[in-house]
Each structure stands twice: as structure tokens, then as C-alpha cells.
C-alpha atoms as a PDB file:
ATOM      1  CA  MET A   1     132.747  73.358 146.958  1.00  0.00           C
ATOM      2  CA  ARG A   2     133.183  73.245 150.745  1.00  0.00           C
ATOM      3  CA  SER A   3     130.538  75.993 151.125  1.00  0.00           C
ATOM      4  CA  PHE A   4     128.121  73.970 149.017  1.00  0.00           C
ATOM      5  CA  PHE A   5     128.493  70.891 151.212  1.00  0.00           C
ATOM      6  CA  LEU A   6     128.103  73.042 154.310  1.00  0.00           C
ATOM      7  CA  PHE A   7     124.879  74.431 152.836  1.00  0.00           C
ATOM      8  CA  LEU A   8     123.552  70.904 152.174  1.00  0.00           C
ATOM      9  CA  TYR A   9     124.494  69.798 155.677  1.00  0.00           C
ATOM     10  CA  GLN A  10     122.915  72.841 157.305  1.00  0.00           C
ATOM     11  CA  TYR A  11     119.566  72.396 155.487  1.00  0.00           C
ATOM     12  CA  ARG A  12     119.653  68.592 155.265  1.00  0.00           C
ATOM     13  CA  ALA A  13     116.404  68.125 157.152  1.00  0.00           C
ATOM     14  CA  PHE A  14     114.485  70.578 154.936  1.00  0.00           C
ATOM     15  CA  LEU A  15     115.921  69.071 151.766  1.00  0.00           C
ATOM     16  CA  VAL A  16     115.011  65.545 152.863  1.00  0.00           C
ATOM     17  CA  PHE A  17     111.477  66.792 153.621  1.00  0.00           C
ATOM     18  CA  ILE A  18     111.128  68.301 150.140  1.00  0.00           C
ATOM     19  CA  ILE A  19     112.392  65.104 148.467  1.00  0.00           C
ATOM     20  CA  LEU A  20     109.968  62.989 150.475  1.00  0.00           C
ATOM     21  CA  GLU A  21     107.091  65.349 149.621  1.00  0.00           C
ATOM     22  CA  PHE A  22     107.771  65.033 145.884  1.00  0.00           C
ATOM     23  CA  ALA A  23     108.101  61.266 146.236  1.00  0.00           C
ATOM     24  CA  ALA A  24     104.780  61.066 148.058  1.00  0.00           C
ATOM     25  CA  LEU A  25     103.101  63.267 145.476  1.00  0.00           C
ATOM     26  CA  PHE A  26     104.485  61.073 142.680  1.00  0.00           C
ATOM     27  CA  LEU A  27     103.208  57.895 144.337  1.00  0.00           C
ATOM     28  CA  VAL A  28      99.755  59.408 144.937  1.00  0.00           C
ATOM     29  CA  VAL A  29      99.448  60.543 141.316  1.00  0.00           C
ATOM     30  CA  GLN A  30     100.964  57.338 139.895  1.00  0.00           C
ATOM     31  CA  ASN A  31      98.740  54.916 141.819  1.00  0.00           C
ATOM     32  CA  SER A  32      95.369  56.651 141.473  1.00  0.00           C
ATOM     33  CA  ASN A  33      93.605  57.251 138.145  1.00  0.00           C
ATOM     34  CA  TYR A  34      91.461  60.004 139.656  1.00  0.00           C
ATOM     35  CA  ASN A  35      94.429  61.837 141.202  1.00  0.00           C
ATOM     36  CA  ARG A  36      96.423  61.422 137.981  1.00  0.00           C
ATOM     37  CA  ALA A  37      93.628  62.967 135.914  1.00  0.00           C
ATOM     38  CA  THR A  38      93.199  65.804 138.404  1.00  0.00           C
ATOM     39  CA  PHE A  39      96.931  66.534 138.405  1.00  0.00           C
ATOM     40  CA  PHE A  40      97.272  66.622 134.636  1.00  0.00           C
ATOM     41  CA  ASN A  41      94.126  68.729 134.197  1.00  0.00           C
ATOM     42  CA  SER A  42      95.432  71.244 136.718  1.00  0.00           C
ATOM     43  CA  SER A  43      98.897  71.330 135.163  1.00  0.00           C
ATOM     44  CA  ASN A  44      97.416  71.751 131.679  1.00  0.00           C
ATOM     45  CA  ALA A  45      95.302  74.667 132.877  1.00  0.00           C
ATOM     46  CA  ALA A  46      98.333  76.325 134.481  1.00  0.00           C
ATOM     47  CA  ILE A  47     100.515  75.807 131.411  1.00  0.00           C
ATOM     48  CA  GLY A  48      97.695  77.065 129.178  1.00  0.00           C
ATOM     49  CA  GLY A  49      97.410  80.215 131.270  1.00  0.00           C
ATOM     50  CA  ILE A  50     101.159  80.825 131.077  1.00  0.00           C
ATOM     51  CA  LEU A  51     101.143  80.309 127.294  1.00  0.00           C
ATOM     52  CA  GLU A  52      98.189  82.681 126.922  1.00  0.00           C
ATOM     53  CA  ILE A  53      99.985  85.405 128.882  1.00  0.00           C
ATOM     54  CA  SER A  54     103.097  84.818 126.781  1.00  0.00           C
ATOM     55  CA  SER A  55     101.031  85.137 123.601  1.00  0.00           C
ATOM     56  CA  ASP A  56      99.453  88.396 124.826  1.00  0.00           C
ATOM     57  CA  VAL A  57     102.890  89.828 125.596  1.00  0.00           C
ATOM     58  CA  GLN A  58     104.160  88.814 122.152  1.00  0.00           C
ATOM     59  CA  ASP A  59     101.099  90.364 120.481  1.00  0.00           C
ATOM     60  CA  PHE A  60     101.709  93.614 122.363  1.00  0.00           C
ATOM     61  CA  ILE A  61     105.354  93.669 121.278  1.00  0.00           C
ATOM     62  CA  ASN A  62     104.278  93.144 117.640  1.00  0.00           C
ATOM     63  CA  LEU A  63     101.462  95.718 117.816  1.00  0.00           C
ATOM     64  CA  SER A  64     103.490  98.555 116.294  1.00  0.00           C
ATOM     65  CA  SER A  65     104.545  96.399 113.366  1.00  0.00           C
ATOM     66  CA  ALA A  66     100.960  95.221 112.850  1.00  0.00           C
ATOM     67  CA  ASN A  67      99.661  98.803 112.860  1.00  0.00           C
ATOM     68  CA  LYS A  68     102.237  99.777 110.250  1.00  0.00           C
ATOM     69  CA  GLN A  69     101.243  96.855 108.037  1.00  0.00           C
ATOM     70  CA  LEU A  70      97.560  97.763 108.350  1.00  0.00           C
ATOM     71  CA  SER A  71      98.300 101.389 107.509  1.00  0.00           C
ATOM     72  CA  GLU A  72     100.242 100.369 104.406  1.00  0.00           C
ATOM     73  CA  GLU A  73      97.422  98.049 103.378  1.00  0.00           C
ATOM     74  CA  ASN A  74      94.894 100.892 103.823  1.00  0.00           C
ATOM     75  CA  THR A  75      97.032 103.085 101.594  1.00  0.00           C
ATOM     76  CA  ARG A  76      97.135 100.445  98.875  1.00  0.00           C
ATOM     77  CA  LEU A  77      93.382  99.838  99.057  1.00  0.00           C
ATOM     78  CA  ARG A  78      92.656 103.579  98.967  1.00  0.00           C
ATOM     79  CA  MET A  79      94.748 103.943  95.796  1.00  0.00           C
ATOM     80  CA  GLU A  80      92.866 101.085  94.147  1.00  0.00           C
ATOM     81  CA  LEU A  81      89.504 102.558  95.198  1.00  0.00           C
ATOM     82  CA  ASN A  82      90.335 105.986  93.800  1.00  0.00           C
ATOM     83  CA  ALA A  83      91.518 104.428  90.540  1.00  0.00           C
ATOM     84  CA  LEU A  84      88.169 102.666  90.244  1.00  0.00           C
ATOM     85  CA  LYS A  85      86.291 105.894  90.978  1.00  0.00           C
ATOM     86  CA  ASP A  86      88.227 107.691  88.259  1.00  0.00           C
ATOM     87  CA  ASN A  87      87.486 104.924  85.797  1.00  0.00           C
ATOM     88  CA  PHE A  88      83.765 105.244  86.419  1.00  0.00           C
ATOM     89  CA  ASP A  89      83.811 109.049  86.306  1.00  0.00           C
ATOM     90  CA  LYS A  90      85.629 109.279  82.971  1.00  0.00           C
ATOM     91  CA  SER A  91      82.938 107.527  80.932  1.00  0.00           C
ATOM     92  CA  GLY A  92      85.163 104.989  79.234  1.00  0.00           C
ATOM     93  CA  ASN A  93      88.396 106.971  79.260  1.00  0.00           C
ATOM     94  CA  LEU A  94      90.404 104.429  81.239  1.00  0.00           C
ATOM     95  CA  ASP A  95      92.972 105.798  83.720  1.00  0.00           C
ATOM     96  CA  THR A  96      94.430 102.934  85.710  1.00  0.00           C
ATOM     97  CA  ALA A  97      96.801 105.173  87.666  1.00  0.00           C
ATOM     98  CA  GLY A  98      93.952 107.194  89.158  1.00  0.00           C
ATOM     99  CA  ARG A  99      93.937 110.884  89.900  1.00  0.00           C
ATOM    100  CA  TYR A 100      95.187 110.432  93.461  1.00  0.00           C
ATOM    101  CA  SER A 101      98.002 108.430  94.964  1.00  0.00           C
ATOM    102  CA  PHE A 102      99.007 108.169  98.617  1.00  0.00           C
ATOM    103  CA  VAL A 103     102.257 108.102 100.604  1.00  0.00           C
ATOM    104  CA  ASN A 104     102.223 106.354 103.959  1.00  0.00           C
ATOM    105  CA  ALA A 105     103.961 108.119 106.880  1.00  0.00           C
ATOM    106  CA  ASN A 106     104.306 108.011 110.662  1.00  0.00           C
ATOM    107  CA  ILE A 107     103.700 110.978 112.957  1.00  0.00           C
ATOM    108  CA  VAL A 108     106.856 111.795 114.918  1.00  0.00           C
ATOM    109  CA  ASN A 109     105.527 114.912 116.673  1.00  0.00           C
ATOM    110  CA  ASN A 110     101.990 116.168 117.263  1.00  0.00           C
ATOM    111  CA  ASN A 111     100.525 119.234 118.982  1.00  0.00           C
ATOM    112  CA  VAL A 112      96.857 119.470 120.011  1.00  0.00           C
ATOM    113  CA  PHE A 113      96.805 122.075 122.799  1.00  0.00           C
ATOM    114  CA  LEU A 114      97.663 125.238 120.845  1.00  0.00           C
ATOM    115  CA  LEU A 115      95.485 127.486 118.668  1.00  0.00           C
ATOM    116  CA  ASN A 116      97.693 126.761 115.633  1.00  0.00           C
ATOM    117  CA  ASN A 117      98.675 123.117 115.923  1.00  0.00           C
ATOM    118  CA  THR A 118     101.109 121.232 113.671  1.00  0.00           C
ATOM    119  CA  LEU A 119     102.341 117.686 113.114  1.00  0.00           C
ATOM    120  CA  THR A 120     105.684 116.360 111.910  1.00  0.00           C
ATOM    121  CA  ILE A 121     105.729 113.269 109.673  1.00  0.00           C
ATOM    122  CA  ASN A 122     108.615 111.087 108.518  1.00  0.00           C
ATOM    123  CA  ALA A 123     108.110 111.614 104.788  1.00  0.00           C
ATOM    124  CA  GLY A 124     109.570 114.399 102.687  1.00  0.00           C
ATOM    125  CA  ALA A 125     110.810 115.414  99.271  1.00  0.00           C
ATOM    126  CA  ARG A 126     112.441 112.065  98.575  1.00  0.00           C
ATOM    127  CA  GLU A 127     108.968 110.438  98.833  1.00  0.00           C
ATOM    128  CA  GLY A 128     107.501 113.039  96.481  1.00  0.00           C
ATOM    129  CA  ILE A 129     105.910 115.205  99.171  1.00  0.00           C
ATOM    130  CA  GLN A 130     105.303 118.850  98.240  1.00  0.00           C
ATOM    131  CA  GLN A 131     103.959 121.893 100.021  1.00  0.00           C
ATOM    132  CA  GLY A 132     100.170 122.175  99.929  1.00  0.00           C
ATOM    133  CA  MET A 133      99.387 118.452  99.759  1.00  0.00           C
ATOM    134  CA  GLY A 134      96.559 117.124 101.899  1.00  0.00           C
ATOM    135  CA  VAL A 135      97.091 114.661 104.728  1.00  0.00           C
ATOM    136  CA  ILE A 136      94.510 112.107 105.880  1.00  0.00           C
ATOM    137  CA  GLY A 137      94.498 109.318 108.450  1.00  0.00           C
ATOM    138  CA  ASN A 138      92.178 106.794 110.084  1.00  0.00           C
ATOM    139  CA  GLY A 139      89.551 107.526 107.448  1.00  0.00           C
ATOM    140  CA  GLY A 140      89.411 111.289 108.097  1.00  0.00           C
ATOM    141  CA  ILE A 141      91.338 114.432 107.167  1.00  0.00           C
ATOM    142  CA  VAL A 142      94.330 115.498 109.265  1.00  0.00           C
ATOM    143  CA  GLY A 143      95.745 118.656 107.682  1.00  0.00           C
ATOM    144  CA  LYS A 144      97.879 120.117 104.900  1.00  0.00           C
ATOM    145  CA  VAL A 145     101.637 120.003 104.269  1.00  0.00           C
ATOM    146  CA  LYS A 146     103.272 123.337 105.107  1.00  0.00           C
ATOM    147  CA  ARG A 147     107.054 122.754 104.983  1.00  0.00           C
ATOM    148  CA  VAL A 148     108.994 119.970 103.302  1.00  0.00           C
ATOM    149  CA  GLY A 149     112.475 118.655 104.034  1.00  0.00           C
ATOM    150  CA  SER A 150     114.272 115.775 102.420  1.00  0.00           C
ATOM    151  CA  ARG A 151     113.055 113.227 104.992  1.00  0.00           C
ATOM    152  CA  TYR A 152     110.457 115.039 107.131  1.00  0.00           C
ATOM    153  CA  SER A 153     107.544 117.413 106.608  1.00  0.00           C
ATOM    154  CA  THR A 154     105.544 119.756 108.807  1.00  0.00           C
ATOM    155  CA  VAL A 155     101.769 119.555 108.518  1.00  0.00           C
ATOM    156  CA  VAL A 156      99.309 122.274 109.524  1.00  0.00           C
ATOM    157  CA  SER A 157      96.704 120.379 111.547  1.00  0.00           C
ATOM    158  CA  LEU A 158      92.953 120.638 111.087  1.00  0.00           C
ATOM    159  CA  LEU A 159      93.165 121.790 114.709  1.00  0.00           C
ATOM    160  CA  ASP A 160      94.256 125.269 113.605  1.00  0.00           C
ATOM    161  CA  VAL A 161      91.887 128.188 114.029  1.00  0.00           C
ATOM    162  CA  ASP A 162      93.078 129.674 110.724  1.00  0.00           C
ATOM    163  CA  VAL A 163      92.376 126.545 108.640  1.00  0.00           C
ATOM    164  CA  LYS A 164      89.165 126.274 106.629  1.00  0.00           C
ATOM    165  CA  VAL A 165      88.175 123.127 104.748  1.00  0.00           C
ATOM    166  CA  SER A 166      85.685 122.985 101.887  1.00  0.00           C
ATOM    167  CA  ALA A 167      83.056 120.412 102.827  1.00  0.00           C
ATOM    168  CA  GLU A 168      79.567 119.120 102.212  1.00  0.00           C
ATOM    169  CA  ILE A 169      76.874 117.519 104.361  1.00  0.00           C
ATOM    170  CA  LYS A 170      76.284 114.143 102.805  1.00  0.00           C
ATOM    171  CA  ASN A 171      73.026 113.959 100.814  1.00  0.00           C
ATOM    172  CA  LYS A 172      71.988 117.389 102.151  1.00  0.00           C
ATOM    173  CA  ILE A 173      74.159 120.318 101.010  1.00  0.00           C
ATOM    174  CA  LYS A 174      76.995 120.423  98.471  1.00  0.00           C
ATOM    175  CA  LEU A 175      79.082 123.264  99.863  1.00  0.00           C
ATOM    176  CA  CYS A 176      79.881 124.452 103.375  1.00  0.00           C
ATOM    177  CA  THR A 177      82.992 125.134 105.454  1.00  0.00           C
ATOM    178  CA  VAL A 178      84.585 123.327 108.389  1.00  0.00           C
ATOM    179  CA  GLN A 179      86.695 125.301 110.850  1.00  0.00           C
ATOM    180  CA  TRP A 180      88.066 124.508 114.295  1.00  0.00           C
ATOM    181  CA  ASP A 181      87.144 127.004 117.030  1.00  0.00           C
ATOM    182  CA  GLY A 182      90.177 126.405 119.279  1.00  0.00           C
ATOM    183  CA  ARG A 183      88.285 124.626 122.040  1.00  0.00           C
ATOM    184  CA  SER A 184      88.048 120.849 122.167  1.00  0.00           C
ATOM    185  CA  SER A 185      90.291 118.683 119.971  1.00  0.00           C
ATOM    186  CA  GLN A 186      87.259 116.463 119.339  1.00  0.00           C
ATOM    187  CA  TYR A 187      84.908 119.054 117.830  1.00  0.00           C
ATOM    188  CA  ALA A 188      84.794 121.669 115.049  1.00  0.00           C
ATOM    189  CA  LYS A 189      82.237 124.060 113.548  1.00  0.00           C
ATOM    190  CA  VAL A 190      80.337 123.675 110.272  1.00  0.00           C
ATOM    191  CA  LEU A 191      79.809 127.129 108.775  1.00  0.00           C
ATOM    192  CA  TYR A 192      77.628 128.769 106.129  1.00  0.00           C
ATOM    193  CA  VAL A 193      74.749 126.275 106.064  1.00  0.00           C
ATOM    194  CA  PRO A 194      71.576 128.233 105.072  1.00  0.00           C
ATOM    195  CA  ARG A 195      68.571 127.884 107.323  1.00  0.00           C
ATOM    196  CA  HIS A 196      66.276 126.477 104.634  1.00  0.00           C
ATOM    197  CA  TYR A 197      68.172 123.144 104.580  1.00  0.00           C
ATOM    198  CA  ASN A 198      66.875 120.289 106.737  1.00  0.00           C
ATOM    199  CA  ILE A 199      69.918 119.409 108.839  1.00  0.00           C
ATOM    200  CA  ALA A 200      69.850 116.781 111.589  1.00  0.00           C
ATOM    201  CA  VAL A 201      72.120 115.505 114.353  1.00  0.00           C
ATOM    202  CA  GLY A 202      74.043 112.493 113.049  1.00  0.00           C
ATOM    203  CA  ASP A 203      74.450 113.811 109.484  1.00  0.00           C
ATOM    204  CA  THR A 204      77.884 113.067 108.028  1.00  0.00           C
ATOM    205  CA  VAL A 205      80.224 115.864 106.948  1.00  0.00           C
ATOM    206  CA  VAL A 206      82.694 114.958 104.164  1.00  0.00           C
ATOM    207  CA  THR A 207      85.184 116.756 101.929  1.00  0.00           C
ATOM    208  CA  SER A 208      83.666 118.443  98.874  1.00  0.00           C
ATOM    209  CA  GLY A 209      86.671 117.823  96.605  1.00  0.00           C
ATOM    210  CA  TYR A 210      86.497 121.401  95.300  1.00  0.00           C
ATOM    211  CA  ASN A 211      89.927 122.482  96.578  1.00  0.00           C
ATOM    212  CA  ALA A 212      91.852 119.599  94.902  1.00  0.00           C
ATOM    213  CA  ILE A 213      93.705 118.929  98.146  1.00  0.00           C
ATOM    214  CA  TYR A 214      91.519 116.106  99.427  1.00  0.00           C
ATOM    215  CA  PRO A 215      89.583 113.570  97.370  1.00  0.00           C
ATOM    216  CA  HIS A 216      85.833 113.987  97.419  1.00  0.00           C
ATOM    217  CA  GLY A 217      83.972 112.107 100.143  1.00  0.00           C
ATOM    218  CA  ILE A 218      86.636 111.806 102.869  1.00  0.00           C
ATOM    219  CA  THR A 219      84.802 111.824 106.189  1.00  0.00           C
ATOM    220  CA  ILE A 220      85.468 114.772 108.498  1.00  0.00           C
ATOM    221  CA  GLY A 221      82.930 114.072 111.215  1.00  0.00           C
ATOM    222  CA  THR A 222      79.278 113.838 112.221  1.00  0.00           C
ATOM    223  CA  ILE A 223      76.975 116.632 113.352  1.00  0.00           C
ATOM    224  CA  SER A 224      76.549 116.552 117.123  1.00  0.00           C
ATOM    225  CA  ASN A 225      74.668 119.770 117.885  1.00  0.00           C
ATOM    226  CA  ILE A 226      72.487 122.198 115.913  1.00  0.00           C
ATOM    227  CA  ASN A 227      71.195 125.636 116.799  1.00  0.00           C
ATOM    228  CA  LEU A 228      69.114 127.981 114.645  1.00  0.00           C
ATOM    229  CA  PRO A 229      68.371 131.381 116.200  1.00  0.00           C
ATOM    230  CA  GLN A 230      65.118 132.944 115.028  1.00  0.00           C
ATOM    231  CA  ASP A 231      66.622 135.688 112.866  1.00  0.00           C
ATOM    232  CA  ALA A 232      69.823 133.891 111.826  1.00  0.00           C
ATOM    233  CA  THR A 233      70.718 133.357 108.156  1.00  0.00           C
ATOM    234  CA  PHE A 234      72.875 130.294 108.844  1.00  0.00           C
ATOM    235  CA  TYR A 235      72.781 127.390 111.249  1.00  0.00           C
ATOM    236  CA  THR A 236      75.175 127.195 114.184  1.00  0.00           C
ATOM    237  CA  ILE A 237      76.460 123.636 113.853  1.00  0.00           C
ATOM    238  CA  GLU A 238      78.908 121.675 115.977  1.00  0.00           C
ATOM    239  CA  MET A 239      80.529 118.544 114.535  1.00  0.00           C
ATOM    240  CA  LYS A 240      82.339 115.692 116.287  1.00  0.00           C
ATOM    241  CA  LEU A 241      85.530 114.926 114.384  1.00  0.00           C
ATOM    242  CA  ILE A 242      86.022 111.352 113.186  1.00  0.00           C
ATOM    243  CA  ASN A 243      89.721 111.500 114.141  1.00  0.00           C
ATOM    244  CA  ASP A 244      91.028 111.543 117.686  1.00  0.00           C
ATOM    245  CA  PHE A 245      94.060 113.769 117.145  1.00  0.00           C
ATOM    246  CA  THR A 246      95.544 112.812 120.517  1.00  0.00           C
ATOM    247  CA  SER A 247      96.079 109.189 119.403  1.00  0.00           C
ATOM    248  CA  LEU A 248      97.002 109.524 115.720  1.00  0.00           C
ATOM    249  CA  SER A 249     100.136 107.614 114.734  1.00  0.00           C
ATOM    250  CA  HIS A 250      99.903 106.874 110.983  1.00  0.00           C
ATOM    251  CA  VAL A 251      98.806 109.168 108.138  1.00  0.00           C
ATOM    252  CA  GLU A 252      98.662 109.226 104.351  1.00  0.00           C
ATOM    253  CA  VAL A 253      99.794 112.173 102.224  1.00  0.00           C
ATOM    254  CA  VAL A 254      97.482 112.780  99.252  1.00  0.00           C
ATOM    255  CA  ILE A 255      99.253 113.309  95.937  1.00  0.00           C
ATOM    256  CA  ASN A 256      96.949 114.814  93.302  1.00  0.00           C
ATOM    257  CA  LYS A 257      98.425 114.456  89.818  1.00  0.00           C
ATOM    258  CA  ASP A 258      96.414 117.459  88.618  1.00  0.00           C
ATOM    259  CA  LEU A 259      97.417 119.789  91.473  1.00  0.00           C
ATOM    260  CA  PRO A 260     100.415 121.439  89.684  1.00  0.00           C
ATOM    261  CA  GLU A 261      98.235 122.304  86.682  1.00  0.00           C
ATOM    262  CA  ILE A 262      95.460 123.640  88.928  1.00  0.00           C
ATOM    263  CA  ASP A 263      97.939 125.763  90.892  1.00  0.00           C
ATOM    264  CA  SER A 264      99.444 127.158  87.687  1.00  0.00           C
ATOM    265  CA  LEU A 265      95.990 128.210  86.495  1.00  0.00           C
ATOM    266  CA  LYS A 266      95.368 129.973  89.804  1.00  0.00           C
ATOM    267  CA  ILE A 267      98.657 131.848  89.451  1.00  0.00           C
ATOM    268  CA  ASN A 268      97.741 132.935  85.916  1.00  0.00           C
ATOM    269  CA  LEU A 269      94.360 134.199  87.091  1.00  0.00           C
ATOM    270  CA  GLU A 270      95.968 136.194  89.900  1.00  0.00           C
ATOM    271  CA  GLU A 271      98.391 137.799  87.438  1.00  0.00           C
END
């Protein structure tokens, strides 16, 4: 307590000056309508700025939760859309469950700088994940499940030089192949497009649906460059991928109800 009084005594002149300044400011504001309005407008602007910054900080803190909610909502909407597609395709044979269902998952590890890249997701056998299932995210394809644990799974990325995806060029050609060439994580090649087709930059490349891993019509990318040598049988086509694999955080695992039956038929044919 003695130290406190010593502090007050030592800085008594400065403290008296501060008190008088506040008193003068109060009298100026109190006795002048113009000064009062100016003071309150300034204080409101300052408080508003502080509240806006506080709101931005709070929004940033909640961003992860918001992204998760949006991803879950996208999964639900995709399931409803595929159910509707099935209903139209079956000519009156109603199937409210749909052929495809989707499991939402987060990416916990992601490689993009290798020739054979993989991802790890936080969904496994307990969520119904099985080897060979397709994985999509942000409206485009991501890869295919390779290994499954009880809680986590490893996914072979589209950014793998050994991965080939059955595709089509929307409204142009019904069957072609997409394959990454090991260069940029933003681009891939579109293969086996015969020269007699009229292909243009900006055409959309989507999944064909022929391999039963991905639903038909999932966007893969858009054509960014075309080359047709004089004696070539096929175009040389470069495609910009719709997904930025360096920033992916949420994915959906595609569960095809018919996949076990299709796989069993393939096994029987091989035997």
C-alpha cells in the first residue's frame, strides 16, 4: 500500500493533468451540440470497427466447422440427386435409395509431389469403406481407395502416373482416358481421342461411368491445350483439373451398391 501512495505522489502532477484533460473534454462535449455529435459519431465508428474485426476473427475461428457442415450438406444433396437420376433412368421402377451413396471424410495426409501420390482419409471399414471405391471432392474426382483400416483409409490419388480413368468429353465423345503425366498437379492428359472428332479448348471432361467406380458425369477438368500432328491418329490433349489437390481438405467416398456384383462377374469371366 505504501508503494502505491508513493507512486501517486511521484506522478501527482501527471495524474492531475490527465484528470483535468478528461474534465475539459467532458465539458466541451456536454456543452456543445456539434462537439457532442462529433464525439459520438467518432466513437461509434471506432466501436463499429472493433466489432467488425472481432466478427472477422470469430468467422475465421469457425471456418473449419463451416467447411465441414458444407461438405456434409454437399454429400446429402449428391445422394438425393443420384437417387433422382436413378428414378428417371429406371422408367418407372422406383428406387428411392439410389445406386450410389456417399461417405463424408476429411483428408489427414496428402502427397502431390511424387509420381505415385496417395491421400489418407479419416474413414474406414466402420463407415462401410472398401477397397476399390472411388473418392471425389469439390465437384471432381480425387482417386480410388487402396487400403482400408478400421478408422482410416489410403487413397491412390488421380495424381498417380499409373492411374487411368475412363472418361468422356461432354457432348463430343463417349469414351476416352484421363491419365496424369507426372508434371504439374494442375494438369493431366486426355488420351485416345480420334482425330475426326471436333475438339475445342474449354470442352468439359467428365467421368464416363463405365468402370462403376465413379458416377457418370462427375467433372474431371476442362481442355486447356490441343495439338494434332499431321500424321497422328489421336489428338494430344492437355486438361486443367477442376480440383486443386494442394488445397483439398474434404472428400466423399462413393459407395456403389452394384459394385460387389460387378466385381464377382469380372472374377467369373477371368476364371
